[in-house]
Amino acid sequence: MTEREGLERRGLLGTLGAGIATGIAGCLGGTQPERDEDDTDDEPPAQVYEPSLEDVTEGPFEIPDGHRCAVCGMTANDYFGKGQLVHENGLAAVFDSPGCLFAYTVSSTPDSPVAGAWITDYGTGDLIDATGAHFVLITDEEAAEDPMGIDPRPYADREAAVSFLEEWAAEDLSPEEDIIIGLDEVDLELASIYRGTRLPDE
């Protein structure tokens, strides 16, 4: 088993325990699709996320007060890690956390390409270009106080991401292990580490 496979296995196992914590956190506001007759109580239906804002000409934009995350339904402005994404056709979505941005990018259906995406830098608190950000793939939920159980840590500068990783004592992780990635590298397997209960099985 490679070190990256070990990370993903630990993350996916941790996600199983996050399901209960996520429900307690109150992140239940997302719209759930209707079940088919063949669905069982043990298997939630696959979720597909849609933009929730229209006529957005460019970003970043001011998130409307009270507007909810397109993935989990929590009020985006209430949380530090908030972000947003705009499609070329003017449709847009907002997020309360980088993990929800991950989930949207791998499980949304708009025909229009992404024009831009922004996320909060965990070092500075500034809104940064998510398409050029460096996301640190931490997975130890018990070491983080995130509203959704655990989130990747985005940074505008790779040096800042590496510095965070060097100080992250909860896990023995190294930048050489593909622990720092770009948004374009996020796939369903990685997104499931953070929002496994809100994504379809592969």
C-alpha atoms as a PDB file:
ATOM      1  CA  MET A   1       0.000   0.000   0.000  1.00  0.00           C
ATOM      2  CA  THR A   2       1.402   3.413  -0.952  1.00  0.00           C
ATOM      3  CA  GLU A   3       1.466   6.273   1.545  1.00  0.00           C
ATOM      4  CA  ARG A   4      -1.224   8.115  -0.397  1.00  0.00           C
ATOM      5  CA  GLU A   5      -3.463   5.047  -0.388  1.00  0.00           C
ATOM      6  CA  GLY A   6      -2.890   4.864   3.347  1.00  0.00           C
ATOM      7  CA  LEU A   7      -3.999   8.490   3.740  1.00  0.00           C
ATOM      8  CA  GLU A   8      -7.133   7.933   1.683  1.00  0.00           C
ATOM      9  CA  ARG A   9      -7.966   4.732   3.580  1.00  0.00           C
ATOM     10  CA  ARG A  10      -7.567   6.520   6.927  1.00  0.00           C
ATOM     11  CA  GLY A  11      -9.670   9.412   5.653  1.00  0.00           C
ATOM     12  CA  LEU A  12     -12.426   7.224   4.315  1.00  0.00           C
ATOM     13  CA  LEU A  13     -12.565   5.217   7.535  1.00  0.00           C
ATOM     14  CA  GLY A  14     -12.692   8.443   9.492  1.00  0.00           C
ATOM     15  CA  THR A  15     -15.565   9.642   7.322  1.00  0.00           C
ATOM     16  CA  LEU A  16     -17.704   6.735   8.504  1.00  0.00           C
ATOM     17  CA  GLY A  17     -17.500   8.055  12.032  1.00  0.00           C
ATOM     18  CA  ALA A  18     -18.101  11.599  10.823  1.00  0.00           C
ATOM     19  CA  GLY A  19     -21.623  10.785   9.688  1.00  0.00           C
ATOM     20  CA  ILE A  20     -23.031  10.916  13.205  1.00  0.00           C
ATOM     21  CA  ALA A  21     -21.039  14.000  14.127  1.00  0.00           C
ATOM     22  CA  THR A  22     -22.156  15.748  10.956  1.00  0.00           C
ATOM     23  CA  GLY A  23     -25.795  15.192  11.780  1.00  0.00           C
ATOM     24  CA  ILE A  24     -25.288  16.555  15.283  1.00  0.00           C
ATOM     25  CA  ALA A  25     -23.543  19.596  13.830  1.00  0.00           C
ATOM     26  CA  GLY A  26     -26.824  20.545  12.196  1.00  0.00           C
ATOM     27  CA  CYS A  27     -25.658  20.302   8.635  1.00  0.00           C
ATOM     28  CA  LEU A  28     -28.875  18.795   7.374  1.00  0.00           C
ATOM     29  CA  GLY A  29     -30.254  21.621   5.283  1.00  0.00           C
ATOM     30  CA  GLY A  30     -29.374  20.252   1.824  1.00  0.00           C
ATOM     31  CA  THR A  31     -32.138  19.143  -0.485  1.00  0.00           C
ATOM     32  CA  GLN A  32     -32.220  15.364  -0.680  1.00  0.00           C
ATOM     33  CA  PRO A  33     -33.522  13.575  -3.784  1.00  0.00           C
ATOM     34  CA  GLU A  34     -36.493  11.248  -3.537  1.00  0.00           C
ATOM     35  CA  ARG A  35     -35.720   7.580  -2.962  1.00  0.00           C
ATOM     36  CA  ASP A  36     -36.370   4.987  -5.620  1.00  0.00           C
ATOM     37  CA  GLU A  37     -38.270   1.864  -4.618  1.00  0.00           C
ATOM     38  CA  ASP A  38     -35.031  -0.119  -4.901  1.00  0.00           C
ATOM     39  CA  ASP A  39     -33.215   2.077  -2.357  1.00  0.00           C
ATOM     40  CA  THR A  40     -32.645   0.582   1.080  1.00  0.00           C
ATOM     41  CA  ASP A  41     -32.549   2.325   4.440  1.00  0.00           C
ATOM     42  CA  ASP A  42     -28.826   1.562   4.653  1.00  0.00           C
ATOM     43  CA  GLU A  43     -27.899   3.281   1.393  1.00  0.00           C
ATOM     44  CA  PRO A  44     -28.614   7.008   0.974  1.00  0.00           C
ATOM     45  CA  PRO A  45     -29.492   8.074  -2.573  1.00  0.00           C
ATOM     46  CA  ALA A  46     -26.799   9.660  -4.713  1.00  0.00           C
ATOM     47  CA  GLN A  47     -26.748  13.426  -4.321  1.00  0.00           C
ATOM     48  CA  VAL A  48     -26.243  15.928  -7.112  1.00  0.00           C
ATOM     49  CA  TYR A  49     -25.686  19.576  -6.240  1.00  0.00           C
ATOM     50  CA  GLU A  50     -26.958  22.542  -8.209  1.00  0.00           C
ATOM     51  CA  PRO A  51     -26.135  26.267  -8.288  1.00  0.00           C
ATOM     52  CA  SER A  52     -28.367  28.366  -6.065  1.00  0.00           C
ATOM     53  CA  LEU A  53     -27.775  31.879  -7.416  1.00  0.00           C
ATOM     54  CA  GLU A  54     -28.513  33.361 -10.846  1.00  0.00           C
ATOM     55  CA  ASP A  55     -27.262  36.305 -12.889  1.00  0.00           C
ATOM     56  CA  VAL A  56     -23.836  36.516 -11.247  1.00  0.00           C
ATOM     57  CA  THR A  57     -21.690  38.351 -13.779  1.00  0.00           C
ATOM     58  CA  GLU A  58     -18.360  37.871 -12.036  1.00  0.00           C
ATOM     59  CA  GLY A  59     -16.732  36.908  -8.784  1.00  0.00           C
ATOM     60  CA  PRO A  60     -15.860  37.038  -6.094  1.00  0.00           C
ATOM     61  CA  PHE A  61     -19.221  38.462  -5.086  1.00  0.00           C
ATOM     62  CA  GLU A  62     -20.832  39.440  -1.806  1.00  0.00           C
ATOM     63  CA  ILE A  63     -22.622  36.394  -0.420  1.00  0.00           C
ATOM     64  CA  PRO A  64     -26.223  37.399   0.352  1.00  0.00           C
ATOM     65  CA  ASP A  65     -27.108  37.393   4.041  1.00  0.00           C
ATOM     66  CA  GLY A  66     -28.722  34.132   5.047  1.00  0.00           C
ATOM     67  CA  HIS A  67     -27.728  32.337   1.834  1.00  0.00           C
ATOM     68  CA  ARG A  68     -27.040  28.669   2.381  1.00  0.00           C
ATOM     69  CA  CYS A  69     -24.269  26.330   1.279  1.00  0.00           C
ATOM     70  CA  ALA A  70     -25.189  24.505  -1.946  1.00  0.00           C
ATOM     71  CA  VAL A  71     -24.019  21.203  -0.443  1.00  0.00           C
ATOM     72  CA  CYS A  72     -24.942  21.108   3.239  1.00  0.00           C
ATOM     73  CA  GLY A  73     -27.483  23.884   3.676  1.00  0.00           C
ATOM     74  CA  MET A  74     -25.650  25.709   6.469  1.00  0.00           C
ATOM     75  CA  THR A  75     -25.620  29.518   6.295  1.00  0.00           C
ATOM     76  CA  ALA A  76     -22.377  30.284   4.464  1.00  0.00           C
ATOM     77  CA  ASN A  77     -21.580  33.630   6.100  1.00  0.00           C
ATOM     78  CA  ASP A  78     -21.669  32.068   9.555  1.00  0.00           C
ATOM     79  CA  TYR A  79     -18.494  30.057   8.995  1.00  0.00           C
ATOM     80  CA  PHE A  80     -14.825  30.945   8.599  1.00  0.00           C
ATOM     81  CA  GLY A  81     -14.061  28.646   5.655  1.00  0.00           C
ATOM     82  CA  LYS A  82     -16.710  29.975   3.289  1.00  0.00           C
ATOM     83  CA  GLY A  83     -16.270  30.041  -0.476  1.00  0.00           C
ATOM     84  CA  GLN A  84     -18.065  30.465  -3.782  1.00  0.00           C
ATOM     85  CA  LEU A  85     -18.067  29.313  -7.395  1.00  0.00           C
ATOM     86  CA  VAL A  86     -19.383  30.953 -10.578  1.00  0.00           C
ATOM     87  CA  HIS A  87     -20.259  29.239 -13.862  1.00  0.00           C
ATOM     88  CA  GLU A  88     -19.817  30.964 -17.229  1.00  0.00           C
ATOM     89  CA  ASN A  89     -23.603  31.155 -17.684  1.00  0.00           C
ATOM     90  CA  GLY A  90     -24.014  33.293 -14.553  1.00  0.00           C
ATOM     91  CA  LEU A  91     -25.175  30.540 -12.213  1.00  0.00           C
ATOM     92  CA  ALA A  92     -23.305  30.414  -8.909  1.00  0.00           C
ATOM     93  CA  ALA A  93     -23.071  28.516  -5.642  1.00  0.00           C
ATOM     94  CA  VAL A  94     -21.752  29.349  -2.185  1.00  0.00           C
ATOM     95  CA  PHE A  95     -20.192  27.080   0.431  1.00  0.00           C
ATOM     96  CA  ASP A  96     -19.619  27.216   4.164  1.00  0.00           C
ATOM     97  CA  SER A  97     -16.382  25.224   3.944  1.00  0.00           C
ATOM     98  CA  PRO A  98     -13.711  23.919   1.546  1.00  0.00           C
ATOM     99  CA  GLY A  99     -14.943  20.330   1.968  1.00  0.00           C
ATOM    100  CA  CYS A 100     -18.303  21.368   0.541  1.00  0.00           C
ATOM    101  CA  LEU A 101     -16.524  23.060  -2.389  1.00  0.00           C
ATOM    102  CA  PHE A 102     -14.809  19.713  -3.035  1.00  0.00           C
ATOM    103  CA  ALA A 103     -18.159  17.889  -2.981  1.00  0.00           C
ATOM    104  CA  TYR A 104     -19.782  20.368  -5.377  1.00  0.00           C
ATOM    105  CA  THR A 105     -16.976  20.195  -7.920  1.00  0.00           C
ATOM    106  CA  VAL A 106     -17.252  16.397  -8.205  1.00  0.00           C
ATOM    107  CA  SER A 107     -21.045  16.057  -7.930  1.00  0.00           C
ATOM    108  CA  SER A 108     -22.753  18.923  -9.740  1.00  0.00           C
ATOM    109  CA  THR A 109     -24.457  18.937 -13.121  1.00  0.00           C
ATOM    110  CA  PRO A 110     -24.442  22.426 -14.714  1.00  0.00           C
ATOM    111  CA  ASP A 111     -23.606  22.300 -18.420  1.00  0.00           C
ATOM    112  CA  SER A 112     -21.716  25.569 -18.099  1.00  0.00           C
ATOM    113  CA  PRO A 113     -17.978  25.455 -17.287  1.00  0.00           C
ATOM    114  CA  VAL A 114     -16.645  27.010 -14.104  1.00  0.00           C
ATOM    115  CA  ALA A 115     -15.607  30.629 -14.654  1.00  0.00           C
ATOM    116  CA  GLY A 116     -14.028  31.048 -11.224  1.00  0.00           C
ATOM    117  CA  ALA A 117     -13.983  29.775  -7.663  1.00  0.00           C
ATOM    118  CA  TRP A 118     -12.854  31.345  -4.377  1.00  0.00           C
ATOM    119  CA  ILE A 119     -12.223  30.008  -0.903  1.00  0.00           C
ATOM    120  CA  THR A 120     -11.011  31.390   2.430  1.00  0.00           C
ATOM    121  CA  ASP A 121      -7.271  31.178   3.064  1.00  0.00           C
ATOM    122  CA  TYR A 122      -6.864  29.411   6.411  1.00  0.00           C
ATOM    123  CA  GLY A 123      -3.801  31.483   7.265  1.00  0.00           C
ATOM    124  CA  THR A 124      -4.917  35.001   6.376  1.00  0.00           C
ATOM    125  CA  GLY A 125      -8.727  34.736   6.347  1.00  0.00           C
ATOM    126  CA  ASP A 126      -8.756  36.374   2.889  1.00  0.00           C
ATOM    127  CA  LEU A 127     -10.875  35.117   0.004  1.00  0.00           C
ATOM    128  CA  ILE A 128      -8.453  33.617  -2.527  1.00  0.00           C
ATOM    129  CA  ASP A 129      -8.616  32.064  -5.997  1.00  0.00           C
ATOM    130  CA  ALA A 130      -9.549  28.448  -5.277  1.00  0.00           C
ATOM    131  CA  THR A 131      -8.364  27.331  -8.720  1.00  0.00           C
ATOM    132  CA  GLY A 132      -4.820  28.345  -7.775  1.00  0.00           C
ATOM    133  CA  ALA A 133      -4.974  27.465  -4.079  1.00  0.00           C
ATOM    134  CA  HIS A 134      -2.946  24.774  -2.336  1.00  0.00           C
ATOM    135  CA  PHE A 135      -5.188  22.434  -0.318  1.00  0.00           C
ATOM    136  CA  VAL A 136      -3.623  20.466   2.556  1.00  0.00           C
ATOM    137  CA  LEU A 137      -5.359  17.087   2.921  1.00  0.00           C
ATOM    138  CA  ILE A 138      -5.523  16.635   6.671  1.00  0.00           C
ATOM    139  CA  THR A 139      -7.818  13.850   7.908  1.00  0.00           C
ATOM    140  CA  ASP A 140      -7.717  13.742  11.728  1.00  0.00           C
ATOM    141  CA  GLU A 141     -11.153  15.014  12.785  1.00  0.00           C
ATOM    142  CA  GLU A 142     -10.376  14.946  16.481  1.00  0.00           C
ATOM    143  CA  ALA A 143      -7.554  17.441  16.018  1.00  0.00           C
ATOM    144  CA  ALA A 144      -9.669  20.020  14.169  1.00  0.00           C
ATOM    145  CA  GLU A 145     -12.681  22.068  15.222  1.00  0.00           C
ATOM    146  CA  ASP A 146     -14.464  22.191  11.881  1.00  0.00           C
ATOM    147  CA  PRO A 147     -18.253  22.499  11.579  1.00  0.00           C
ATOM    148  CA  MET A 148     -18.454  19.493   9.259  1.00  0.00           C
ATOM    149  CA  GLY A 149     -16.045  17.183  11.065  1.00  0.00           C
ATOM    150  CA  ILE A 150     -12.917  17.871   8.979  1.00  0.00           C
ATOM    151  CA  ASP A 151     -11.911  20.095   6.059  1.00  0.00           C
ATOM    152  CA  PRO A 152      -8.877  20.419   3.823  1.00  0.00           C
ATOM    153  CA  ARG A 153      -6.847  23.562   4.537  1.00  0.00           C
ATOM    154  CA  PRO A 154      -6.531  25.986   1.585  1.00  0.00           C
ATOM    155  CA  TYR A 155      -3.650  28.451   1.244  1.00  0.00           C
ATOM    156  CA  ALA A 156      -2.800  30.917  -1.507  1.00  0.00           C
ATOM    157  CA  ASP A 157       0.929  30.204  -1.185  1.00  0.00           C
ATOM    158  CA  ARG A 158       2.433  26.737  -1.215  1.00  0.00           C
ATOM    159  CA  GLU A 159       5.027  27.861   1.329  1.00  0.00           C
ATOM    160  CA  ALA A 160       2.239  28.670   3.791  1.00  0.00           C
ATOM    161  CA  ALA A 161       0.658  25.266   3.135  1.00  0.00           C
ATOM    162  CA  VAL A 162       3.965  23.534   3.816  1.00  0.00           C
ATOM    163  CA  SER A 163       4.461  25.565   7.013  1.00  0.00           C
ATOM    164  CA  PHE A 164       1.018  24.532   8.244  1.00  0.00           C
ATOM    165  CA  LEU A 165       1.771  20.901   7.461  1.00  0.00           C
ATOM    166  CA  GLU A 166       5.062  21.049   9.336  1.00  0.00           C
ATOM    167  CA  GLU A 167       3.218  22.331  12.429  1.00  0.00           C
ATOM    168  CA  TRP A 168       0.310  19.860  12.132  1.00  0.00           C
ATOM    169  CA  ALA A 169       1.250  17.401  14.875  1.00  0.00           C
ATOM    170  CA  ALA A 170      -1.911  15.275  14.692  1.00  0.00           C
ATOM    171  CA  GLU A 171      -0.699  13.271  11.694  1.00  0.00           C
ATOM    172  CA  ASP A 172       2.654  12.271  10.253  1.00  0.00           C
ATOM    173  CA  LEU A 173       2.212  13.832   6.810  1.00  0.00           C
ATOM    174  CA  SER A 174       4.739  15.148   4.314  1.00  0.00           C
ATOM    175  CA  PRO A 175       4.417  17.479   1.281  1.00  0.00           C
ATOM    176  CA  GLU A 176       6.143  14.792  -0.777  1.00  0.00           C
ATOM    177  CA  GLU A 177       3.181  12.425  -0.231  1.00  0.00           C
ATOM    178  CA  ASP A 178       0.751  14.362  -2.476  1.00  0.00           C
ATOM    179  CA  ILE A 179      -0.816  15.822   0.659  1.00  0.00           C
ATOM    180  CA  ILE A 180      -0.910  19.317  -0.880  1.00  0.00           C
ATOM    181  CA  ILE A 181      -3.025  19.426  -4.038  1.00  0.00           C
ATOM    182  CA  GLY A 182      -4.797  21.818  -6.394  1.00  0.00           C
ATOM    183  CA  LEU A 183      -8.562  22.023  -6.905  1.00  0.00           C
ATOM    184  CA  ASP A 184      -8.189  20.430 -10.335  1.00  0.00           C
ATOM    185  CA  GLU A 185      -6.852  17.266  -8.671  1.00  0.00           C
ATOM    186  CA  VAL A 186      -9.965  16.712  -6.549  1.00  0.00           C
ATOM    187  CA  ASP A 187     -11.886  13.590  -7.515  1.00  0.00           C
ATOM    188  CA  LEU A 188     -14.780  11.696  -5.936  1.00  0.00           C
ATOM    189  CA  GLU A 189     -12.466   9.593  -3.783  1.00  0.00           C
ATOM    190  CA  LEU A 190     -10.725  12.629  -2.284  1.00  0.00           C
ATOM    191  CA  ALA A 191     -13.951  14.594  -1.852  1.00  0.00           C
ATOM    192  CA  SER A 192     -15.435  11.606  -0.023  1.00  0.00           C
ATOM    193  CA  ILE A 193     -12.783  11.914   2.678  1.00  0.00           C
ATOM    194  CA  TYR A 194     -14.478  15.172   3.709  1.00  0.00           C
ATOM    195  CA  ARG A 195     -18.109  14.722   2.611  1.00  0.00           C
ATOM    196  CA  GLY A 196     -18.512  10.987   2.196  1.00  0.00           C
ATOM    197  CA  THR A 197     -22.048  10.957   3.587  1.00  0.00           C
ATOM    198  CA  ARG A 198     -23.097  13.521   0.976  1.00  0.00           C
ATOM    199  CA  LEU A 199     -21.606  11.914  -2.106  1.00  0.00           C
ATOM    200  CA  PRO A 200     -22.508   8.848  -4.171  1.00  0.00           C
ATOM    201  CA  ASP A 201     -20.444   5.698  -3.899  1.00  0.00           C
ATOM    202  CA  GLU A 202     -17.859   5.243  -6.635  1.00  0.00           C
END
